[in-house]
PDB file of N, CA and C in Angstrom:
ATOM      1  N   MET A   1     116.239 108.168  97.710  1.00  0.00           N
ATOM      2  CA  MET A   1     116.384 107.779  98.765  1.00  0.00           C
ATOM      3  C   MET A   1     117.885 108.160  99.360  1.00  0.00           C
ATOM      4  N   LYS A   2     117.837 108.813 100.557  1.00  0.00           N
ATOM      5  CA  LYS A   2     119.186 108.975 101.108  1.00  0.00           C
ATOM      6  C   LYS A   2     119.829 107.911 102.133  1.00  0.00           C
ATOM      7  N   LEU A   3     121.124 108.110 102.036  1.00  0.00           N
ATOM      8  CA  LEU A   3     121.756 107.097 102.650  1.00  0.00           C
ATOM      9  C   LEU A   3     121.227 106.282 104.073  1.00  0.00           C
ATOM     10  N   ASN A   4     120.933 107.843 104.461  1.00  0.00           N
ATOM     11  CA  ASN A   4     120.436 106.866 106.328  1.00  0.00           C
ATOM     12  C   ASN A   4     119.331 106.279 106.260  1.00  0.00           C
ATOM     13  N   GLU A   5     118.049 106.862 105.263  1.00  0.00           N
ATOM     14  CA  GLU A   5     117.071 105.980 105.213  1.00  0.00           C
ATOM     15  C   GLU A   5     117.409 104.520 104.378  1.00  0.00           C
ATOM     16  N   LEU A   6     118.504 104.554 103.497  1.00  0.00           N
ATOM     17  CA  LEU A   6     118.661 102.962 102.744  1.00  0.00           C
ATOM     18  C   LEU A   6     119.241 102.224 103.712  1.00  0.00           C
ATOM     19  N   LYS A   7     120.141 102.735 104.642  1.00  0.00           N
ATOM     20  CA  LYS A   7     120.771 101.729 105.991  1.00  0.00           C
ATOM     21  C   LYS A   7     119.631 101.326 106.854  1.00  0.00           C
ATOM     22  N   ASN A   8     118.638 101.821 106.881  1.00  0.00           N
ATOM     23  CA  ASN A   8     117.542 101.095 107.592  1.00  0.00           C
ATOM     24  C   ASN A   8     116.336 100.612 106.941  1.00  0.00           C
ATOM     25  N   LYS A   9     116.655 100.094 105.424  1.00  0.00           N
ATOM     26  CA  LYS A   9     115.421  99.412 104.910  1.00  0.00           C
ATOM     27  C   LYS A   9     115.899  98.537 104.475  1.00  0.00           C
ATOM     28  N   GLU A  10     114.752  97.439 104.943  1.00  0.00           N
ATOM     29  CA  GLU A  10     114.789  96.077 105.093  1.00  0.00           C
ATOM     30  C   GLU A  10     115.331  95.390 103.561  1.00  0.00           C
ATOM     31  N   VAL A  11     116.213  94.430 103.402  1.00  0.00           N
ATOM     32  CA  VAL A  11     115.988  93.684 102.153  1.00  0.00           C
ATOM     33  C   VAL A  11     114.620  92.945 101.926  1.00  0.00           C
ATOM     34  N   MET A  12     114.310  93.056 100.483  1.00  0.00           N
ATOM     35  CA  MET A  12     112.698  92.732 100.068  1.00  0.00           C
ATOM     36  C   MET A  12     113.672  91.078  99.827  1.00  0.00           C
ATOM     37  N   ARG A  13     112.792  90.034 100.572  1.00  0.00           N
ATOM     38  CA  ARG A  13     112.695  88.487 100.132  1.00  0.00           C
ATOM     39  C   ARG A  13     112.057  88.015  99.185  1.00  0.00           C
ATOM     40  N   ALA A  14     112.632  87.419  98.387  1.00  0.00           N
ATOM     41  CA  ALA A  14     111.914  86.533  97.473  1.00  0.00           C
ATOM     42  C   ALA A  14     110.465  85.653  97.770  1.00  0.00           C
ATOM     43  N   MET A  15     109.476  85.961  97.023  1.00  0.00           N
ATOM     44  CA  MET A  15     108.697  84.844  97.546  1.00  0.00           C
ATOM     45  C   MET A  15     108.618  83.674  97.869  1.00  0.00           C
ATOM     46  N   PRO A  16     108.585  83.082  98.905  1.00  0.00           N
ATOM     47  CA  PRO A  16     108.852  81.253  99.152  1.00  0.00           C
ATOM     48  C   PRO A  16     107.777  80.586  98.288  1.00  0.00           C
ATOM     49  N   MET A  17     108.091  79.211  97.883  1.00  0.00           N
ATOM     50  CA  MET A  17     107.183  78.147  97.219  1.00  0.00           C
ATOM     51  C   MET A  17     105.942  78.246  98.071  1.00  0.00           C
ATOM     52  N   GLY A  18     104.719  77.971  97.279  1.00  0.00           N
ATOM     53  CA  GLY A  18     103.371  77.721  98.144  1.00  0.00           C
ATOM     54  C   GLY A  18     102.206  78.793  97.635  1.00  0.00           C
ATOM     55  N   LYS A  19     101.446  79.120  98.282  1.00  0.00           N
ATOM     56  CA  LYS A  19     100.288  79.914  98.421  1.00  0.00           C
ATOM     57  C   LYS A  19     100.493  80.975  99.079  1.00  0.00           C
ATOM     58  N   HIS A  20     100.135  82.277  98.623  1.00  0.00           N
ATOM     59  CA  HIS A  20     100.332  83.359  99.497  1.00  0.00           C
ATOM     60  C   HIS A  20      99.535  84.532  99.311  1.00  0.00           C
ATOM     61  N   GLU A  21      98.682  85.374 100.542  1.00  0.00           N
ATOM     62  CA  GLU A  21      97.796  86.215 100.287  1.00  0.00           C
ATOM     63  C   GLU A  21      98.865  87.473 100.306  1.00  0.00           C
ATOM     64  N   VAL A  22      98.823  88.516  99.070  1.00  0.00           N
ATOM     65  CA  VAL A  22      99.874  89.171  99.276  1.00  0.00           C
ATOM     66  C   VAL A  22      98.902  90.713  98.607  1.00  0.00           C
ATOM     67  N   THR A  23      99.930  91.747  98.644  1.00  0.00           N
ATOM     68  CA  THR A  23      98.991  92.943  98.537  1.00  0.00           C
ATOM     69  C   THR A  23      99.497  93.701  97.248  1.00  0.00           C
ATOM     70  N   PHE A  24      98.863  93.600  96.312  1.00  0.00           N
ATOM     71  CA  PHE A  24      99.022  94.217  94.996  1.00  0.00           C
ATOM     72  C   PHE A  24      99.540  95.945  95.241  1.00  0.00           C
ATOM     73  N   VAL A  25     100.562  96.195  94.372  1.00  0.00           N
ATOM     74  CA  VAL A  25     101.198  97.420  94.372  1.00  0.00           C
ATOM     75  C   VAL A  25     100.919  97.996  93.014  1.00  0.00           C
ATOM     76  N   ARG A  26     101.662  97.515  92.017  1.00  0.00           N
ATOM     77  CA  ARG A  26     101.542  98.301  90.664  1.00  0.00           C
ATOM     78  C   ARG A  26     102.092  96.699  89.478  1.00  0.00           C
ATOM     79  N   ILE A  27     101.834  97.418  88.337  1.00  0.00           N
ATOM     80  CA  ILE A  27     102.128  96.475  87.293  1.00  0.00           C
ATOM     81  C   ILE A  27     103.057  97.293  86.548  1.00  0.00           C
ATOM     82  N   GLU A  28     104.228  96.943  85.896  1.00  0.00           N
ATOM     83  CA  GLU A  28     105.273  97.538  84.952  1.00  0.00           C
ATOM     84  C   GLU A  28     105.236  96.753  84.080  1.00  0.00           C
ATOM     85  N   TYR A  29     104.830  96.804  82.659  1.00  0.00           N
ATOM     86  CA  TYR A  29     105.055  95.975  81.492  1.00  0.00           C
ATOM     87  C   TYR A  29     106.784  96.379  81.048  1.00  0.00           C
ATOM     88  N   ARG A  30     106.981  95.298  80.430  1.00  0.00           N
ATOM     89  CA  ARG A  30     108.777  95.329  79.897  1.00  0.00           C
ATOM     90  C   ARG A  30     108.549  94.912  78.289  1.00  0.00           C
ATOM     91  N   THR A  31     109.098  95.881  77.802  1.00  0.00           N
ATOM     92  CA  THR A  31     109.259  95.897  76.178  1.00  0.00           C
ATOM     93  C   THR A  31     110.444  95.502  75.669  1.00  0.00           C
ATOM     94  N   ASP A  32     110.636  95.003  74.335  1.00  0.00           N
ATOM     95  CA  ASP A  32     111.556  94.708  73.529  1.00  0.00           C
ATOM     96  C   ASP A  32     112.088  96.088  73.046  1.00  0.00           C
ATOM     97  N   GLU A  33     113.280  95.929  71.972  1.00  0.00           N
ATOM     98  CA  GLU A  33     113.906  97.288  71.428  1.00  0.00           C
ATOM     99  C   GLU A  33     112.827  97.600  70.521  1.00  0.00           C
ATOM    100  N   ASN A  34     111.583  96.721  69.902  1.00  0.00           N
ATOM    101  CA  ASN A  34     110.980  96.930  69.084  1.00  0.00           C
ATOM    102  C   ASN A  34     109.360  97.575  69.668  1.00  0.00           C
ATOM    103  N   ASP A  35     109.580  97.711  71.227  1.00  0.00           N
ATOM    104  CA  ASP A  35     108.616  98.110  71.571  1.00  0.00           C
ATOM    105  C   ASP A  35     107.361  97.186  71.976  1.00  0.00           C
ATOM    106  N   GLU A  36     107.533  95.746  71.803  1.00  0.00           N
ATOM    107  CA  GLU A  36     106.566  94.827  72.069  1.00  0.00           C
ATOM    108  C   GLU A  36     106.659  94.432  73.452  1.00  0.00           C
ATOM    109  N   VAL A  37     105.709  94.365  73.875  1.00  0.00           N
ATOM    110  CA  VAL A  37     105.628  93.762  75.206  1.00  0.00           C
ATOM    111  C   VAL A  37     106.094  92.623  75.234  1.00  0.00           C
ATOM    112  N   ILE A  38     106.980  92.194  76.320  1.00  0.00           N
ATOM    113  CA  ILE A  38     107.245  90.796  76.482  1.00  0.00           C
ATOM    114  C   ILE A  38     107.417  90.024  77.566  1.00  0.00           C
ATOM    115  N   GLY A  39     106.925  91.028  79.058  1.00  0.00           N
ATOM    116  CA  GLY A  39     106.839  90.736  80.447  1.00  0.00           C
ATOM    117  C   GLY A  39     105.964  91.383  81.142  1.00  0.00           C
ATOM    118  N   ALA A  40     106.041  91.249  82.175  1.00  0.00           N
ATOM    119  CA  ALA A  40     105.453  92.414  83.508  1.00  0.00           C
ATOM    120  C   ALA A  40     106.042  91.716  84.378  1.00  0.00           C
ATOM    121  N   TRP A  41     105.777  93.076  85.407  1.00  0.00           N
ATOM    122  CA  TRP A  41     106.578  92.833  86.529  1.00  0.00           C
ATOM    123  C   TRP A  41     105.615  93.353  87.390  1.00  0.00           C
ATOM    124  N   ILE A  42     104.946  92.330  88.257  1.00  0.00           N
ATOM    125  CA  ILE A  42     104.018  92.814  89.259  1.00  0.00           C
ATOM    126  C   ILE A  42     104.598  92.730  90.419  1.00  0.00           C
ATOM    127  N   TYR A  43     104.304  93.859  90.899  1.00  0.00           N
ATOM    128  CA  TYR A  43     104.877  94.520  92.489  1.00  0.00           C
ATOM    129  C   TYR A  43     104.095  94.071  93.356  1.00  0.00           C
ATOM    130  N   ILE A  44     104.280  93.468  94.352  1.00  0.00           N
ATOM    131  CA  ILE A  44     103.555  93.446  95.897  1.00  0.00           C
ATOM    132  C   ILE A  44     104.425  93.840  97.225  1.00  0.00           C
ATOM    133  N   ALA A  45     103.305  94.023  98.112  1.00  0.00           N
ATOM    134  CA  ALA A  45     103.946  95.026  99.252  1.00  0.00           C
ATOM    135  C   ALA A  45     105.032  93.602 100.107  1.00  0.00           C
ATOM    136  N   GLU A  46     104.679  92.406 100.080  1.00  0.00           N
ATOM    137  CA  GLU A  46     105.524  91.920 100.807  1.00  0.00           C
ATOM    138  C   GLU A  46     106.560  91.011 100.401  1.00  0.00           C
ATOM    139  N   PHE A  47     107.127  90.775  99.367  1.00  0.00           N
ATOM    140  CA  PHE A  47     108.008  90.170  98.503  1.00  0.00           C
ATOM    141  C   PHE A  47     108.733  90.931  97.613  1.00  0.00           C
ATOM    142  N   LYS A  48     109.534  90.280  97.144  1.00  0.00           N
ATOM    143  CA  LYS A  48     110.495  90.789  95.441  1.00  0.00           C
ATOM    144  C   LYS A  48     109.251  90.886  94.228  1.00  0.00           C
ATOM    145  N   PRO A  49     109.211  91.838  93.465  1.00  0.00           N
ATOM    146  CA  PRO A  49     108.466  91.298  92.276  1.00  0.00           C
ATOM    147  C   PRO A  49     108.328  90.289  91.568  1.00  0.00           C
ATOM    148  N   LEU A  50     106.960  89.880  91.123  1.00  0.00           N
ATOM    149  CA  LEU A  50     107.170  88.561  90.457  1.00  0.00           C
ATOM    150  C   LEU A  50     107.063  88.920  88.915  1.00  0.00           C
ATOM    151  N   TYR A  51     107.461  88.239  88.011  1.00  0.00           N
ATOM    152  CA  TYR A  51     107.621  88.362  86.549  1.00  0.00           C
ATOM    153  C   TYR A  51     106.797  87.407  85.715  1.00  0.00           C
ATOM    154  N   ILE A  52     106.207  87.628  85.054  1.00  0.00           N
ATOM    155  CA  ILE A  52     105.267  86.644  83.879  1.00  0.00           C
ATOM    156  C   ILE A  52     105.533  87.267  82.763  1.00  0.00           C
ATOM    157  N   PRO A  53     105.904  86.421  81.974  1.00  0.00           N
ATOM    158  CA  PRO A  53     105.994  86.567  80.433  1.00  0.00           C
ATOM    159  C   PRO A  53     104.533  86.932  79.617  1.00  0.00           C
ATOM    160  N   ILE A  54     104.635  87.591  79.119  1.00  0.00           N
ATOM    161  CA  ILE A  54     103.857  88.081  78.033  1.00  0.00           C
ATOM    162  C   ILE A  54     103.546  87.234  76.570  1.00  0.00           C
ATOM    163  N   PHE A  55     102.891  87.007  75.902  1.00  0.00           N
ATOM    164  CA  PHE A  55     102.379  86.427  74.637  1.00  0.00           C
ATOM    165  C   PHE A  55     101.843  87.101  73.642  1.00  0.00           C
ATOM    166  N   ASP A  56     101.820  86.701  72.558  1.00  0.00           N
ATOM    167  CA  ASP A  56     101.267  87.460  71.245  1.00  0.00           C
ATOM    168  C   ASP A  56      99.690  86.654  71.228  1.00  0.00           C
ATOM    169  N   GLY A  57      99.635  85.614  71.965  1.00  0.00           N
ATOM    170  CA  GLY A  57      98.446  84.991  72.073  1.00  0.00           C
ATOM    171  C   GLY A  57      97.741  85.159  73.599  1.00  0.00           C
ATOM    172  N   GLU A  58      97.560  83.781  73.837  1.00  0.00           N
ATOM    173  CA  GLU A  58      96.654  84.302  75.321  1.00  0.00           C
ATOM    174  C   GLU A  58      97.719  84.001  76.371  1.00  0.00           C
ATOM    175  N   ASN A  59      97.257  84.733  77.469  1.00  0.00           N
ATOM    176  CA  ASN A  59      98.070  85.363  78.788  1.00  0.00           C
ATOM    177  C   ASN A  59      97.157  85.315  79.938  1.00  0.00           C
ATOM    178  N   PHE A  60      97.041  83.810  80.449  1.00  0.00           N
ATOM    179  CA  PHE A  60      96.078  83.169  81.314  1.00  0.00           C
ATOM    180  C   PHE A  60      96.533  84.271  82.722  1.00  0.00           C
ATOM    181  N   GLN A  61      97.890  84.255  83.173  1.00  0.00           N
ATOM    182  CA  GLN A  61      98.219  84.592  84.333  1.00  0.00           C
ATOM    183  C   GLN A  61      97.796  86.187  84.365  1.00  0.00           C
ATOM    184  N   LEU A  62      98.132  86.929  83.241  1.00  0.00           N
ATOM    185  CA  LEU A  62      97.725  88.207  83.032  1.00  0.00           C
ATOM    186  C   LEU A  62      95.893  88.541  83.369  1.00  0.00           C
ATOM    187  N   ASP A  63      95.332  87.384  82.654  1.00  0.00           N
ATOM    188  CA  ASP A  63      93.869  87.403  82.711  1.00  0.00           C
ATOM    189  C   ASP A  63      93.489  87.122  84.252  1.00  0.00           C
ATOM    190  N   LEU A  64      94.255  86.281  84.773  1.00  0.00           N
ATOM    191  CA  LEU A  64      93.864  85.710  86.124  1.00  0.00           C
ATOM    192  C   LEU A  64      94.367  86.884  87.027  1.00  0.00           C
ATOM    193  N   LEU A  65      95.126  87.465  87.023  1.00  0.00           N
ATOM    194  CA  LEU A  65      95.466  88.731  88.171  1.00  0.00           C
ATOM    195  C   LEU A  65      94.261  89.817  87.464  1.00  0.00           C
ATOM    196  N   THR A  66      94.280  90.296  86.666  1.00  0.00           N
ATOM    197  CA  THR A  66      93.007  91.310  86.147  1.00  0.00           C
ATOM    198  C   THR A  66      91.726  90.520  86.853  1.00  0.00           C
ATOM    199  N   GLU A  67      91.739  89.431  86.873  1.00  0.00           N
ATOM    200  CA  GLU A  67      90.222  88.866  87.502  1.00  0.00           C
ATOM    201  C   GLU A  67      90.054  89.294  88.844  1.00  0.00           C
ATOM    202  N   GLN A  68      91.528  89.120  89.545  1.00  0.00           N
ATOM    203  CA  GLN A  68      91.371  88.983  90.781  1.00  0.00           C
ATOM    204  C   GLN A  68      91.260  90.431  91.315  1.00  0.00           C
ATOM    205  N   LEU A  69      91.487  91.478  90.504  1.00  0.00           N
ATOM    206  CA  LEU A  69      91.800  93.193  90.652  1.00  0.00           C
ATOM    207  C   LEU A  69      90.529  93.374  90.210  1.00  0.00           C
ATOM    208  N   GLY A  70      89.682  92.646  89.911  1.00  0.00           N
ATOM    209  CA  GLY A  70      88.044  93.369  89.152  1.00  0.00           C
ATOM    210  C   GLY A  70      88.559  94.219  88.166  1.00  0.00           C
ATOM    211  N   VAL A  71      89.334  94.223  87.167  1.00  0.00           N
ATOM    212  CA  VAL A  71      89.616  95.264  85.975  1.00  0.00           C
ATOM    213  C   VAL A  71      89.242  94.363  84.863  1.00  0.00           C
ATOM    214  N   GLU A  72      88.666  95.454  84.107  1.00  0.00           N
ATOM    215  CA  GLU A  72      88.660  94.626  82.328  1.00  0.00           C
ATOM    216  C   GLU A  72      89.364  95.233  81.620  1.00  0.00           C
ATOM    217  N   SER A  73      90.850  95.676  81.495  1.00  0.00           N
ATOM    218  CA  SER A  73      91.600  96.149  80.624  1.00  0.00           C
ATOM    219  C   SER A  73      92.900  95.730  81.040  1.00  0.00           C
ATOM    220  N   TYR A  74      93.914  95.561  80.052  1.00  0.00           N
ATOM    221  CA  TYR A  74      95.456  95.509  80.514  1.00  0.00           C
ATOM    222  C   TYR A  74      95.737  96.732  80.650  1.00  0.00           C
ATOM    223  N   ASP A  75      95.431  97.711  80.613  1.00  0.00           N
ATOM    224  CA  ASP A  75      95.905  99.247  80.563  1.00  0.00           C
ATOM    225  C   ASP A  75      96.186  99.110  82.062  1.00  0.00           C
ATOM    226  N   PRO A  76      97.756  99.768  82.237  1.00  0.00           N
ATOM    227  CA  PRO A  76      98.369  99.759  83.191  1.00  0.00           C
ATOM    228  C   PRO A  76      97.797 100.807  84.475  1.00  0.00           C
ATOM    229  N   ASP A  77      97.455 101.818  83.421  1.00  0.00           N
ATOM    230  CA  ASP A  77      97.061 102.838  84.558  1.00  0.00           C
ATOM    231  C   ASP A  77      95.533 102.291  85.143  1.00  0.00           C
ATOM    232  N   GLU A  78      94.384 101.675  84.570  1.00  0.00           N
ATOM    233  CA  GLU A  78      93.657 101.105  85.308  1.00  0.00           C
ATOM    234  C   GLU A  78      93.787 100.005  86.283  1.00  0.00           C
ATOM    235  N   ILE A  79      94.903  99.284  85.811  1.00  0.00           N
ATOM    236  CA  ILE A  79      95.358  97.926  86.841  1.00  0.00           C
ATOM    237  C   ILE A  79      96.210  98.540  88.105  1.00  0.00           C
ATOM    238  N   ASN A  80      96.652  99.579  88.017  1.00  0.00           N
ATOM    239  CA  ASN A  80      97.603 100.252  89.047  1.00  0.00           C
ATOM    240  C   ASN A  80      96.824 101.160  90.114  1.00  0.00           C
ATOM    241  N   LYS A  81      95.256 101.478  89.673  1.00  0.00           N
ATOM    242  CA  LYS A  81      94.833 101.833  90.493  1.00  0.00           C
ATOM    243  C   LYS A  81      93.861 100.945  91.665  1.00  0.00           C
ATOM    244  N   CYS A  82      94.272  99.781  91.608  1.00  0.00           N
ATOM    245  CA  CYS A  82      93.747  98.671  92.281  1.00  0.00           C
ATOM    246  C   CYS A  82      95.056  98.196  93.826  1.00  0.00           C
ATOM    247  N   GLN A  83      95.893  99.479  93.669  1.00  0.00           N
ATOM    248  CA  GLN A  83      96.848  99.460  94.787  1.00  0.00           C
ATOM    249  C   GLN A  83      96.000  99.297  95.791  1.00  0.00           C
ATOM    250  N   GLY A  84      96.719  98.369  96.894  1.00  0.00           N
ATOM    251  CA  GLY A  84      96.161  98.201  98.215  1.00  0.00           C
ATOM    252  C   GLY A  84      95.345  96.770  98.257  1.00  0.00           C
ATOM    253  N   THR A  85      95.013  96.327  96.844  1.00  0.00           N
ATOM    254  CA  THR A  85      93.954  95.023  97.155  1.00  0.00           C
ATOM    255  C   THR A  85      94.782  93.667  97.430  1.00  0.00           C
ATOM    256  N   LYS A  86      94.015  92.795  98.020  1.00  0.00           N
ATOM    257  CA  LYS A  86      94.784  91.497  98.723  1.00  0.00           C
ATOM    258  C   LYS A  86      94.590  90.704  97.224  1.00  0.00           C
ATOM    259  N   ILE A  87      95.492  89.941  96.758  1.00  0.00           N
ATOM    260  CA  ILE A  87      95.199  89.007  95.617  1.00  0.00           C
ATOM    261  C   ILE A  87      96.039  87.519  96.178  1.00  0.00           C
ATOM    262  N   ILE A  88      95.759  86.504  95.544  1.00  0.00           N
ATOM    263  CA  ILE A  88      96.379  85.499  95.890  1.00  0.00           C
ATOM    264  C   ILE A  88      97.485  84.739  94.648  1.00  0.00           C
ATOM    265  N   ALA A  89      98.789  84.687  95.110  1.00  0.00           N
ATOM    266  CA  ALA A  89      99.703  84.329  94.137  1.00  0.00           C
ATOM    267  C   ALA A  89     100.644  82.862  94.569  1.00  0.00           C
ATOM    268  N   HIS A  90     100.826  81.819  93.779  1.00  0.00           N
ATOM    269  CA  HIS A  90     101.354  80.950  94.157  1.00  0.00           C
ATOM    270  C   HIS A  90     102.579  80.926  93.261  1.00  0.00           C
ATOM    271  N   LYS A  91     103.709  80.525  94.179  1.00  0.00           N
ATOM    272  CA  LYS A  91     104.750  80.017  93.157  1.00  0.00           C
ATOM    273  C   LYS A  91     105.036  78.697  93.547  1.00  0.00           C
ATOM    274  N   TYR A  92     105.870  77.897  92.236  1.00  0.00           N
ATOM    275  CA  TYR A  92     105.918  76.625  92.063  1.00  0.00           C
ATOM    276  C   TYR A  92     107.103  76.341  91.104  1.00  0.00           C
ATOM    277  N   ILE A  93     107.200  75.331  91.387  1.00  0.00           N
ATOM    278  CA  ILE A  93     108.522  74.629  90.477  1.00  0.00           C
ATOM    279  C   ILE A  93     107.423  73.549  89.488  1.00  0.00           C
ATOM    280  N   ARG A  94     107.760  73.775  88.143  1.00  0.00           N
ATOM    281  CA  ARG A  94     107.264  73.224  86.673  1.00  0.00           C
ATOM    282  C   ARG A  94     108.332  72.272  86.378  1.00  0.00           C
ATOM    283  N   VAL A  95     108.260  71.142  86.145  1.00  0.00           N
ATOM    284  CA  VAL A  95     109.453  70.269  85.598  1.00  0.00           C
ATOM    285  C   VAL A  95     108.784  69.640  84.320  1.00  0.00           C
ATOM    286  N   ASP A  96     109.579  70.189  83.211  1.00  0.00           N
ATOM    287  CA  ASP A  96     109.945  70.116  81.751  1.00  0.00           C
ATOM    288  C   ASP A  96     110.817  68.992  81.659  1.00  0.00           C
ATOM    289  N   VAL A  97     110.346  67.534  81.794  1.00  0.00           N
ATOM    290  CA  VAL A  97     110.744  66.411  81.428  1.00  0.00           C
ATOM    291  C   VAL A  97     111.623  66.407  80.206  1.00  0.00           C
ATOM    292  N   GLU A  98     110.992  66.886  79.158  1.00  0.00           N
ATOM    293  CA  GLU A  98     111.575  66.783  77.421  1.00  0.00           C
ATOM    294  C   GLU A  98     112.843  67.761  77.563  1.00  0.00           C
ATOM    295  N   ARG A  99     112.977  68.835  78.288  1.00  0.00           N
ATOM    296  CA  ARG A  99     114.242  69.708  78.475  1.00  0.00           C
ATOM    297  C   ARG A  99     115.037  69.382  79.737  1.00  0.00           C
ATOM    298  N   GLN A 100     114.778  68.616  80.365  1.00  0.00           N
ATOM    299  CA  GLN A 100     115.306  68.179  81.579  1.00  0.00           C
ATOM    300  C   GLN A 100     115.584  69.624  82.642  1.00  0.00           C
ATOM    301  N   GLN A 101     114.465  70.233  82.728  1.00  0.00           N
ATOM    302  CA  GLN A 101     115.025  71.244  83.585  1.00  0.00           C
ATOM    303  C   GLN A 101     113.966  71.618  84.224  1.00  0.00           C
ATOM    304  N   ASP A 102     113.890  72.664  85.198  1.00  0.00           N
ATOM    305  CA  ASP A 102     112.857  72.571  86.545  1.00  0.00           C
ATOM    306  C   ASP A 102     112.684  74.610  86.163  1.00  0.00           C
ATOM    307  N   PHE A 103     111.400  74.778  86.017  1.00  0.00           N
ATOM    308  CA  PHE A 103     111.360  76.299  86.024  1.00  0.00           C
ATOM    309  C   PHE A 103     110.619  76.895  87.202  1.00  0.00           C
ATOM    310  N   THR A 104     110.820  77.603  87.765  1.00  0.00           N
ATOM    311  CA  THR A 104     109.765  78.650  88.660  1.00  0.00           C
ATOM    312  C   THR A 104     109.179  79.308  88.196  1.00  0.00           C
ATOM    313  N   ASN A 105     107.615  79.147  88.525  1.00  0.00           N
ATOM    314  CA  ASN A 105     106.901  79.955  87.734  1.00  0.00           C
ATOM    315  C   ASN A 105     105.813  80.635  89.132  1.00  0.00           C
ATOM    316  N   VAL A 106     104.800  81.628  88.449  1.00  0.00           N
ATOM    317  CA  VAL A 106     104.088  82.044  89.187  1.00  0.00           C
ATOM    318  C   VAL A 106     102.625  82.109  88.786  1.00  0.00           C
ATOM    319  N   SER A 107     101.531  81.532  89.601  1.00  0.00           N
ATOM    320  CA  SER A 107     100.188  81.579  89.128  1.00  0.00           C
ATOM    321  C   SER A 107      99.288  82.570  90.132  1.00  0.00           C
ATOM    322  N   PHE A 108      98.375  83.744  89.068  1.00  0.00           N
ATOM    323  CA  PHE A 108      97.414  84.256  89.699  1.00  0.00           C
ATOM    324  C   PHE A 108      96.092  83.440  90.270  1.00  0.00           C
ATOM    325  N   ASN A 109      96.103  82.213  90.156  1.00  0.00           N
ATOM    326  CA  ASN A 109      94.701  81.419  89.960  1.00  0.00           C
ATOM    327  C   ASN A 109      94.722  80.926  91.545  1.00  0.00           C
ATOM    328  N   PRO A 110      93.292  81.778  91.842  1.00  0.00           N
ATOM    329  CA  PRO A 110      93.245  81.602  93.266  1.00  0.00           C
ATOM    330  C   PRO A 110      92.864  80.277  93.468  1.00  0.00           C
ATOM    331  N   ARG A 111      92.514  79.537  92.680  1.00  0.00           N
ATOM    332  CA  ARG A 111      91.875  78.155  92.929  1.00  0.00           C
ATOM    333  C   ARG A 111      92.981  77.040  92.370  1.00  0.00           C
ATOM    334  N   TYR A 112      94.294  77.338  92.187  1.00  0.00           N
ATOM    335  CA  TYR A 112      95.755  76.706  91.996  1.00  0.00           C
ATOM    336  C   TYR A 112      95.677  75.647  93.015  1.00  0.00           C
ATOM    337  N   ARG A 113      96.161  74.811  92.515  1.00  0.00           N
ATOM    338  CA  ARG A 113      96.377  73.379  92.882  1.00  0.00           C
ATOM    339  C   ARG A 113      98.078  73.056  92.735  1.00  0.00           C
ATOM    340  N   GLU A 114      98.668  72.895  94.015  1.00  0.00           N
ATOM    341  CA  GLU A 114     100.075  72.473  93.540  1.00  0.00           C
ATOM    342  C   GLU A 114     100.322  71.304  92.689  1.00  0.00           C
ATOM    343  N   PRO A 115     100.995  71.206  91.391  1.00  0.00           N
ATOM    344  CA  PRO A 115     100.848  70.044  90.487  1.00  0.00           C
ATOM    345  C   PRO A 115     101.861  68.946  91.355  1.00  0.00           C
ATOM    346  N   ASP A 116     101.235  67.855  91.157  1.00  0.00           N
ATOM    347  CA  ASP A 116     102.043  66.919  91.713  1.00  0.00           C
ATOM    348  C   ASP A 116     103.184  66.245  91.024  1.00  0.00           C
ATOM    349  N   GLU A 117     104.222  67.158  91.360  1.00  0.00           N
ATOM    350  CA  GLU A 117     105.474  66.804  90.182  1.00  0.00           C
ATOM    351  C   GLU A 117     106.785  67.176  91.074  1.00  0.00           C
ATOM    352  N   THR A 118     107.792  66.176  91.144  1.00  0.00           N
ATOM    353  CA  THR A 118     108.838  66.202  91.820  1.00  0.00           C
ATOM    354  C   THR A 118     109.871  66.576  90.903  1.00  0.00           C
ATOM    355  N   PRO A 119     110.765  68.052  91.690  1.00  0.00           N
ATOM    356  CA  PRO A 119     111.787  68.698  91.012  1.00  0.00           C
ATOM    357  C   PRO A 119     112.647  67.424  90.530  1.00  0.00           C
ATOM    358  N   LEU A 120     113.228  67.860  89.147  1.00  0.00           N
ATOM    359  CA  LEU A 120     114.278  66.804  88.218  1.00  0.00           C
ATOM    360  C   LEU A 120     115.364  66.199  89.413  1.00  0.00           C
ATOM    361  N   ALA A 121     115.626  67.154  90.422  1.00  0.00           N
ATOM    362  CA  ALA A 121     117.282  66.981  91.067  1.00  0.00           C
ATOM    363  C   ALA A 121     116.706  66.177  92.092  1.00  0.00           C
ATOM    364  N   GLN A 122     115.558  65.886  92.587  1.00  0.00           N
ATOM    365  CA  GLN A 122     115.128  64.942  93.298  1.00  0.00           C
ATOM    366  C   GLN A 122     114.491  63.974  92.863  1.00  0.00           C
ATOM    367  N   LEU A 123     114.945  63.533  91.639  1.00  0.00           N
ATOM    368  CA  LEU A 123     114.474  62.589  91.106  1.00  0.00           C
ATOM    369  C   LEU A 123     115.730  61.538  90.941  1.00  0.00           C
ATOM    370  N   ALA A 124     116.858  62.314  90.598  1.00  0.00           N
ATOM    371  CA  ALA A 124     117.907  61.364  90.337  1.00  0.00           C
ATOM    372  C   ALA A 124     118.598  60.900  91.412  1.00  0.00           C
TER     373      ALA A 124
END
């Protein structure tokens, strides 16, 4: 990107809390030093990329994303063919009472309902 292009580029905003219909752009997996997949950046057109962790076991958010995109594989080449597809994403706060922390999470469940939880800072 040239300097004059950069000057005219808008800063990407973080997705606000709540449900949003967004346009899928691409997925990029992140790996550790042993080449183990640890997470994925989900790029969307309207906001900054969304991050989801990847686990050795079940990966519900990745499953929900691939379901919305209509693909049957975690292969990034197959997933990235879905560029331009409208998907539903939810950004929400999860309260972990045991750790006394709030976590900002993303859900790709199109039927997701907001949890009835109050952030810990508001409980004090």
